[in-house]
Amino acid sequence: MANLCIIPARGGSKRIPRKNIKPFIGKPIIAYSIEAALASRLFDEVMVSTDDTEIAAIAKQYGAKVPFMRSEKNANDYATTIDVLNEIIDEYKARGVLYDNVCCIYPCAPFVTAEKLNDGFLLLNERKFDTVFPVVPFSFPIQRALRLNEGKLNFFQSEFALSRSQDLEMAYHDAGQFYWLKVEAFQKEKKIVTNNCGAITVSELEAQDIDNETDWQIAELKYQLLK
């Protein structure tokens, strides 16, 4: 069973300039994703997809491969993860290399570990899912979410206004770290979240969206607490 790890890391980050190689507690943040993938011993190849020569050089320094550069079409602000993954899978096919499974690990995901990657891969195969990825429980019941309209508050779902938190169903969101994918199902469905998805659960301490400098500082604090 052939497995490919894809780390998509374009050079044109806007909100945090050079985000994918910005130092995170002593080394470029992309290094954490590369090192976790290599330590998992799950992959026939760990590759970085980038349009940027500096990112490519740093990726190779930490042990990843950059067998080809990303196309200009999929290096802009509008290219989706799905677009990028399909381009890479198709390029490998054109070179005569086929993979059964792909794991897309985001470059700004320092909380990814070899153990989590192995847990996800095990679940993917044991339960025969199309996709497996980490999710985080919402810290507050989404059934009691509030809408703010010109200063006035209303419940989205007023029927839960007086419900006890412990009586409401737990809800989760994507941790934004990695996605295990069955290649055949992914290319057929052309989406990551299919009707046959599984998930591993991680805590709020083990996940952090990193979209601005405040997020970055919070992520470093969480990482230091964990380590």
C-alpha atoms as a PDB file:
ATOM      1  CA  MET A   1       0.000   0.000   0.000  1.00  0.00           C
ATOM      2  CA  ALA A   2       1.696   3.183  -1.204  1.00  0.00           C
ATOM      3  CA  ASN A   3       1.341   6.382   0.820  1.00  0.00           C
ATOM      4  CA  LEU A   4       2.255   9.922  -0.202  1.00  0.00           C
ATOM      5  CA  CYS A   5       2.548  12.883   2.165  1.00  0.00           C
ATOM      6  CA  ILE A   6       1.824  16.266   0.570  1.00  0.00           C
ATOM      7  CA  ILE A   7       2.656  19.483   2.431  1.00  0.00           C
ATOM      8  CA  PRO A   8       1.215  22.423   0.444  1.00  0.00           C
ATOM      9  CA  ALA A   9       3.239  25.580   1.096  1.00  0.00           C
ATOM     10  CA  ARG A  10       2.908  28.437  -1.354  1.00  0.00           C
ATOM     11  CA  GLY A  11       5.006  31.560  -0.960  1.00  0.00           C
ATOM     12  CA  GLY A  12       2.343  34.263  -1.151  1.00  0.00           C
ATOM     13  CA  SER A  13       0.932  34.413   2.374  1.00  0.00           C
ATOM     14  CA  LYS A  14      -0.740  37.799   2.960  1.00  0.00           C
ATOM     15  CA  ARG A  15      -1.798  38.058   6.619  1.00  0.00           C
ATOM     16  CA  ILE A  16       1.495  36.721   7.985  1.00  0.00           C
ATOM     17  CA  PRO A  17       4.280  37.374   5.437  1.00  0.00           C
ATOM     18  CA  ARG A  18       6.429  34.296   4.705  1.00  0.00           C
ATOM     19  CA  LYS A  19       4.192  32.410   7.118  1.00  0.00           C
ATOM     20  CA  ASN A  20       5.159  28.906   6.029  1.00  0.00           C
ATOM     21  CA  ILE A  21       8.846  29.383   6.896  1.00  0.00           C
ATOM     22  CA  LYS A  22       8.516  31.917   9.728  1.00  0.00           C
ATOM     23  CA  PRO A  23      10.490  30.790  12.821  1.00  0.00           C
ATOM     24  CA  PHE A  24       8.306  29.005  15.387  1.00  0.00           C
ATOM     25  CA  ILE A  25      10.157  28.363  18.647  1.00  0.00           C
ATOM     26  CA  GLY A  26      13.529  28.061  16.987  1.00  0.00           C
ATOM     27  CA  LYS A  27      12.895  26.622  13.528  1.00  0.00           C
ATOM     28  CA  PRO A  28      10.768  27.246  10.437  1.00  0.00           C
ATOM     29  CA  ILE A  29       7.195  26.241  11.178  1.00  0.00           C
ATOM     30  CA  ILE A  30       7.045  23.951   8.123  1.00  0.00           C
ATOM     31  CA  ALA A  31       9.798  21.843   9.711  1.00  0.00           C
ATOM     32  CA  TYR A  32       7.347  20.499  12.307  1.00  0.00           C
ATOM     33  CA  SER A  33       5.067  19.049   9.623  1.00  0.00           C
ATOM     34  CA  ILE A  34       7.988  17.521   7.728  1.00  0.00           C
ATOM     35  CA  GLU A  35       9.529  16.003  10.845  1.00  0.00           C
ATOM     36  CA  ALA A  36       6.222  14.504  12.030  1.00  0.00           C
ATOM     37  CA  ALA A  37       5.644  12.929   8.605  1.00  0.00           C
ATOM     38  CA  LEU A  38       9.133  11.435   8.481  1.00  0.00           C
ATOM     39  CA  ALA A  39       8.961  10.196  12.087  1.00  0.00           C
ATOM     40  CA  SER A  40       5.675   8.393  11.393  1.00  0.00           C
ATOM     41  CA  ARG A  41       7.421   6.033   8.928  1.00  0.00           C
ATOM     42  CA  LEU A  42       4.136   5.814   7.022  1.00  0.00           C
ATOM     43  CA  PHE A  43       5.158   7.387   3.732  1.00  0.00           C
ATOM     44  CA  ASP A  44       6.934   6.265   0.606  1.00  0.00           C
ATOM     45  CA  GLU A  45       7.547   9.947  -0.086  1.00  0.00           C
ATOM     46  CA  VAL A  46       7.183  13.178   1.889  1.00  0.00           C
ATOM     47  CA  MET A  47       6.931  16.063  -0.568  1.00  0.00           C
ATOM     48  CA  VAL A  48       6.376  19.799  -0.339  1.00  0.00           C
ATOM     49  CA  SER A  49       4.317  21.520  -3.020  1.00  0.00           C
ATOM     50  CA  THR A  50       5.468  25.103  -3.432  1.00  0.00           C
ATOM     51  CA  ASP A  51       5.989  27.847  -5.985  1.00  0.00           C
ATOM     52  CA  ASP A  52       8.766  29.414  -3.884  1.00  0.00           C
ATOM     53  CA  THR A  53      12.466  28.558  -4.175  1.00  0.00           C
ATOM     54  CA  GLU A  54      13.279  29.547  -0.573  1.00  0.00           C
ATOM     55  CA  ILE A  55      10.508  27.331   0.798  1.00  0.00           C
ATOM     56  CA  ALA A  56      11.732  24.516  -1.458  1.00  0.00           C
ATOM     57  CA  ALA A  57      15.279  24.855  -0.119  1.00  0.00           C
ATOM     58  CA  ILE A  58      14.153  24.818   3.519  1.00  0.00           C
ATOM     59  CA  ALA A  59      11.869  21.842   2.864  1.00  0.00           C
ATOM     60  CA  LYS A  60      14.798  19.863   1.438  1.00  0.00           C
ATOM     61  CA  GLN A  61      16.984  20.918   4.374  1.00  0.00           C
ATOM     62  CA  TYR A  62      14.546  19.221   6.768  1.00  0.00           C
ATOM     63  CA  GLY A  63      14.263  16.042   4.711  1.00  0.00           C
ATOM     64  CA  ALA A  64      11.308  16.562   2.372  1.00  0.00           C
ATOM     65  CA  LYS A  65      11.418  16.231  -1.399  1.00  0.00           C
ATOM     66  CA  VAL A  66      10.377  18.847  -3.938  1.00  0.00           C
ATOM     67  CA  PRO A  67      10.197  16.804  -7.149  1.00  0.00           C
ATOM     68  CA  PHE A  68       8.471  19.593  -9.072  1.00  0.00           C
ATOM     69  CA  MET A  69       7.278  23.138  -8.459  1.00  0.00           C
ATOM     70  CA  ARG A  70       3.630  24.089  -8.173  1.00  0.00           C
ATOM     71  CA  SER A  71       1.951  25.524 -11.250  1.00  0.00           C
ATOM     72  CA  GLU A  72       1.217  29.240 -11.401  1.00  0.00           C
ATOM     73  CA  LYS A  73      -2.496  28.421 -11.716  1.00  0.00           C
ATOM     74  CA  ASN A  74      -2.530  26.785  -8.277  1.00  0.00           C
ATOM     75  CA  ALA A  75      -0.248  29.278  -6.537  1.00  0.00           C
ATOM     76  CA  ASN A  76      -2.705  32.166  -6.306  1.00  0.00           C
ATOM     77  CA  ASP A  77      -5.139  33.217  -3.565  1.00  0.00           C
ATOM     78  CA  TYR A  78      -8.036  31.359  -5.186  1.00  0.00           C
ATOM     79  CA  ALA A  79      -6.551  27.880  -5.539  1.00  0.00           C
ATOM     80  CA  THR A  80      -8.077  25.403  -3.103  1.00  0.00           C
ATOM     81  CA  THR A  81      -6.443  22.521  -1.262  1.00  0.00           C
ATOM     82  CA  ILE A  82      -8.436  20.190  -3.511  1.00  0.00           C
ATOM     83  CA  ASP A  83      -7.021  21.864  -6.637  1.00  0.00           C
ATOM     84  CA  VAL A  84      -3.480  21.514  -5.343  1.00  0.00           C
ATOM     85  CA  LEU A  85      -3.855  17.872  -4.280  1.00  0.00           C
ATOM     86  CA  ASN A  86      -5.389  16.850  -7.594  1.00  0.00           C
ATOM     87  CA  GLU A  87      -2.599  18.568  -9.517  1.00  0.00           C
ATOM     88  CA  ILE A  88       0.038  16.707  -7.512  1.00  0.00           C
ATOM     89  CA  ILE A  89      -1.638  13.298  -7.729  1.00  0.00           C
ATOM     90  CA  ASP A  90      -2.070  13.742 -11.493  1.00  0.00           C
ATOM     91  CA  GLU A  91       1.570  14.804 -11.921  1.00  0.00           C
ATOM     92  CA  TYR A  92       2.776  11.676 -10.118  1.00  0.00           C
ATOM     93  CA  LYS A  93       0.463   9.570 -12.301  1.00  0.00           C
ATOM     94  CA  ALA A  94       1.948  11.184 -15.403  1.00  0.00           C
ATOM     95  CA  ARG A  95       5.353  10.102 -14.119  1.00  0.00           C
ATOM     96  CA  GLY A  96       4.098   6.539 -13.650  1.00  0.00           C
ATOM     97  CA  VAL A  97       3.883   6.717  -9.843  1.00  0.00           C
ATOM     98  CA  LEU A  98       0.580   5.705  -8.238  1.00  0.00           C
ATOM     99  CA  TYR A  99      -0.455   6.063  -4.601  1.00  0.00           C
ATOM    100  CA  ASP A 100      -3.290   4.383  -2.706  1.00  0.00           C
ATOM    101  CA  ASN A 101      -3.435   6.995   0.053  1.00  0.00           C
ATOM    102  CA  VAL A 102      -2.451  10.621   0.425  1.00  0.00           C
ATOM    103  CA  CYS A 103      -2.011  12.576   3.622  1.00  0.00           C
ATOM    104  CA  CYS A 104      -2.142  16.345   3.235  1.00  0.00           C
ATOM    105  CA  ILE A 105      -0.403  18.020   6.179  1.00  0.00           C
ATOM    106  CA  TYR A 106      -0.650  21.777   6.386  1.00  0.00           C
ATOM    107  CA  PRO A 107       2.696  23.600   6.727  1.00  0.00           C
ATOM    108  CA  CYS A 108       1.569  25.633   9.760  1.00  0.00           C
ATOM    109  CA  ALA A 109       0.583  22.683  11.918  1.00  0.00           C
ATOM    110  CA  PRO A 110       3.183  22.329  14.687  1.00  0.00           C
ATOM    111  CA  PHE A 111       0.805  20.215  16.791  1.00  0.00           C
ATOM    112  CA  VAL A 112       0.812  17.339  14.293  1.00  0.00           C
ATOM    113  CA  THR A 113       2.665  14.308  15.647  1.00  0.00           C
ATOM    114  CA  ALA A 114       3.741  10.967  14.244  1.00  0.00           C
ATOM    115  CA  GLU A 115       1.357   9.318  16.705  1.00  0.00           C
ATOM    116  CA  LYS A 116      -1.654  11.273  15.423  1.00  0.00           C
ATOM    117  CA  LEU A 117      -0.747  10.473  11.837  1.00  0.00           C
ATOM    118  CA  ASN A 118      -0.589   6.785  12.719  1.00  0.00           C
ATOM    119  CA  ASP A 119      -3.905   6.959  14.581  1.00  0.00           C
ATOM    120  CA  GLY A 120      -5.539   8.573  11.558  1.00  0.00           C
ATOM    121  CA  PHE A 121      -4.088   6.030   9.131  1.00  0.00           C
ATOM    122  CA  LEU A 122      -5.222   3.121  11.304  1.00  0.00           C
ATOM    123  CA  LEU A 123      -8.764   4.488  11.465  1.00  0.00           C
ATOM    124  CA  LEU A 124      -8.820   5.129   7.700  1.00  0.00           C
ATOM    125  CA  ASN A 125      -8.103   1.481   6.981  1.00  0.00           C
ATOM    126  CA  GLU A 126      -9.872  -0.269   9.844  1.00  0.00           C
ATOM    127  CA  ARG A 127     -13.162   1.528   9.180  1.00  0.00           C
ATOM    128  CA  LYS A 128     -12.660   1.822   5.412  1.00  0.00           C
ATOM    129  CA  PHE A 129     -13.297   5.565   5.460  1.00  0.00           C
ATOM    130  CA  ASP A 130     -12.675   7.822   2.442  1.00  0.00           C
ATOM    131  CA  THR A 131     -11.155  10.514   4.659  1.00  0.00           C
ATOM    132  CA  VAL A 132      -9.923  10.889   8.225  1.00  0.00           C
ATOM    133  CA  PHE A 133      -8.825  14.124   9.897  1.00  0.00           C
ATOM    134  CA  PRO A 134      -8.495  15.644  13.410  1.00  0.00           C
ATOM    135  CA  VAL A 135     -11.406  17.558  14.927  1.00  0.00           C
ATOM    136  CA  VAL A 136     -11.706  19.756  18.028  1.00  0.00           C
ATOM    137  CA  PRO A 137     -14.790  20.001  20.275  1.00  0.00           C
ATOM    138  CA  PHE A 138     -16.398  23.451  20.362  1.00  0.00           C
ATOM    139  CA  SER A 139     -15.841  24.928  23.824  1.00  0.00           C
ATOM    140  CA  PHE A 140     -19.428  26.285  23.970  1.00  0.00           C
ATOM    141  CA  PRO A 141     -22.637  24.611  22.738  1.00  0.00           C
ATOM    142  CA  ILE A 142     -23.292  25.731  19.157  1.00  0.00           C
ATOM    143  CA  GLN A 143     -27.017  25.205  19.714  1.00  0.00           C
ATOM    144  CA  ARG A 144     -26.960  28.316  21.922  1.00  0.00           C
ATOM    145  CA  ALA A 145     -25.063  30.516  19.470  1.00  0.00           C
ATOM    146  CA  LEU A 146     -26.157  34.159  19.271  1.00  0.00           C
ATOM    147  CA  ARG A 147     -26.756  36.388  16.276  1.00  0.00           C
ATOM    148  CA  LEU A 148     -25.843  40.088  16.555  1.00  0.00           C
ATOM    149  CA  ASN A 149     -27.760  42.395  14.201  1.00  0.00           C
ATOM    150  CA  GLU A 150     -27.313  46.184  14.619  1.00  0.00           C
ATOM    151  CA  GLY A 151     -26.591  45.754  18.314  1.00  0.00           C
ATOM    152  CA  LYS A 152     -29.529  43.414  18.966  1.00  0.00           C
ATOM    153  CA  LEU A 153     -28.934  39.813  20.084  1.00  0.00           C
ATOM    154  CA  ASN A 154     -31.021  36.805  19.108  1.00  0.00           C
ATOM    155  CA  PHE A 155     -30.520  33.066  19.379  1.00  0.00           C
ATOM    156  CA  PHE A 156     -29.912  31.172  16.162  1.00  0.00           C
ATOM    157  CA  GLN A 157     -31.943  28.345  17.681  1.00  0.00           C
ATOM    158  CA  SER A 158     -34.250  29.797  20.325  1.00  0.00           C
ATOM    159  CA  GLU A 159     -35.625  26.350  21.239  1.00  0.00           C
ATOM    160  CA  PHE A 160     -32.335  25.690  23.062  1.00  0.00           C
ATOM    161  CA  ALA A 161     -32.275  28.986  24.991  1.00  0.00           C
ATOM    162  CA  LEU A 162     -33.017  27.310  28.333  1.00  0.00           C
ATOM    163  CA  SER A 163     -31.310  23.989  27.683  1.00  0.00           C
ATOM    164  CA  ARG A 164     -28.559  22.856  30.000  1.00  0.00           C
ATOM    165  CA  SER A 165     -25.169  22.630  28.308  1.00  0.00           C
ATOM    166  CA  GLN A 166     -24.720  19.022  29.406  1.00  0.00           C
ATOM    167  CA  ASP A 167     -27.979  18.064  27.695  1.00  0.00           C
ATOM    168  CA  LEU A 168     -26.887  19.317  24.276  1.00  0.00           C
ATOM    169  CA  GLU A 169     -25.070  17.237  21.664  1.00  0.00           C
ATOM    170  CA  MET A 170     -21.343  17.840  21.389  1.00  0.00           C
ATOM    171  CA  ALA A 171     -20.228  19.592  18.195  1.00  0.00           C
ATOM    172  CA  TYR A 172     -16.804  19.622  16.555  1.00  0.00           C
ATOM    173  CA  HIS A 173     -14.817  21.614  14.010  1.00  0.00           C
ATOM    174  CA  ASP A 174     -11.905  20.779  11.717  1.00  0.00           C
ATOM    175  CA  ALA A 175      -8.579  21.184  13.519  1.00  0.00           C
ATOM    176  CA  GLY A 176      -6.950  22.304  10.258  1.00  0.00           C
ATOM    177  CA  GLN A 177      -3.917  20.034  10.607  1.00  0.00           C
ATOM    178  CA  PHE A 178      -3.989  17.074   8.235  1.00  0.00           C
ATOM    179  CA  TYR A 179      -6.253  14.948   6.028  1.00  0.00           C
ATOM    180  CA  TRP A 180      -5.825  11.274   5.244  1.00  0.00           C
ATOM    181  CA  LEU A 181      -7.444  10.506   1.883  1.00  0.00           C
ATOM    182  CA  LYS A 182      -8.114   7.393  -0.164  1.00  0.00           C
ATOM    183  CA  VAL A 183      -6.907   8.576  -3.576  1.00  0.00           C
ATOM    184  CA  GLU A 184      -9.547   6.774  -5.634  1.00  0.00           C
ATOM    185  CA  ALA A 185     -12.446   8.122  -3.544  1.00  0.00           C
ATOM    186  CA  PHE A 186     -10.948  11.624  -3.353  1.00  0.00           C
ATOM    187  CA  GLN A 187     -10.514  11.968  -7.099  1.00  0.00           C
ATOM    188  CA  LYS A 188     -13.966  10.573  -7.734  1.00  0.00           C
ATOM    189  CA  GLU A 189     -15.766  12.762  -5.176  1.00  0.00           C
ATOM    190  CA  LYS A 190     -13.518  15.807  -5.684  1.00  0.00           C
ATOM    191  CA  LYS A 191     -13.989  16.808  -2.055  1.00  0.00           C
ATOM    192  CA  ILE A 192     -12.424  16.104   1.314  1.00  0.00           C
ATOM    193  CA  VAL A 193     -15.557  15.784   3.457  1.00  0.00           C
ATOM    194  CA  THR A 194     -17.538  12.955   1.876  1.00  0.00           C
ATOM    195  CA  ASN A 195     -20.419  10.906   3.271  1.00  0.00           C
ATOM    196  CA  ASN A 196     -17.863   8.401   4.528  1.00  0.00           C
ATOM    197  CA  CYS A 197     -15.548  10.412   6.795  1.00  0.00           C
ATOM    198  CA  GLY A 198     -13.938   9.565  10.106  1.00  0.00           C
ATOM    199  CA  ALA A 199     -12.128  11.665  12.672  1.00  0.00           C
ATOM    200  CA  ILE A 200      -9.725  11.563  15.559  1.00  0.00           C
ATOM    201  CA  THR A 201     -10.401  14.035  18.377  1.00  0.00           C
ATOM    202  CA  VAL A 202      -7.788  16.463  19.706  1.00  0.00           C
ATOM    203  CA  SER A 203      -8.072  18.961  22.547  1.00  0.00           C
ATOM    204  CA  GLU A 204      -8.126  22.753  22.288  1.00  0.00           C
ATOM    205  CA  LEU A 205      -4.590  22.726  23.671  1.00  0.00           C
ATOM    206  CA  GLU A 206      -3.425  20.607  20.717  1.00  0.00           C
ATOM    207  CA  ALA A 207      -4.833  22.827  17.978  1.00  0.00           C
ATOM    208  CA  GLN A 208      -4.703  26.461  16.915  1.00  0.00           C
ATOM    209  CA  ASP A 209      -5.712  28.267  13.745  1.00  0.00           C
ATOM    210  CA  ILE A 210      -2.820  30.550  12.821  1.00  0.00           C
ATOM    211  CA  ASP A 211      -4.184  33.435  10.758  1.00  0.00           C
ATOM    212  CA  ASN A 212      -2.584  36.462  12.438  1.00  0.00           C
ATOM    213  CA  GLU A 213       0.205  37.416  14.836  1.00  0.00           C
ATOM    214  CA  THR A 214      -1.968  36.923  17.922  1.00  0.00           C
ATOM    215  CA  ASP A 215      -2.812  33.386  16.780  1.00  0.00           C
ATOM    216  CA  TRP A 216       0.900  32.778  16.281  1.00  0.00           C
ATOM    217  CA  GLN A 217       1.735  33.838  19.837  1.00  0.00           C
ATOM    218  CA  ILE A 218      -1.081  31.702  21.266  1.00  0.00           C
ATOM    219  CA  ALA A 219       0.155  28.704  19.271  1.00  0.00           C
ATOM    220  CA  GLU A 220       3.680  29.139  20.654  1.00  0.00           C
ATOM    221  CA  LEU A 221       2.319  29.325  24.217  1.00  0.00           C
ATOM    222  CA  LYS A 222       0.236  26.177  23.710  1.00  0.00           C
ATOM    223  CA  TYR A 223       3.181  24.333  22.173  1.00  0.00           C
ATOM    224  CA  GLN A 224       5.432  25.246  25.093  1.00  0.00           C
ATOM    225  CA  LEU A 225       2.777  24.104  27.576  1.00  0.00           C
ATOM    226  CA  LEU A 226       2.498  20.752  25.801  1.00  0.00           C
ATOM    227  CA  LYS A 227       6.228  20.195  25.507  1.00  0.00           C
END
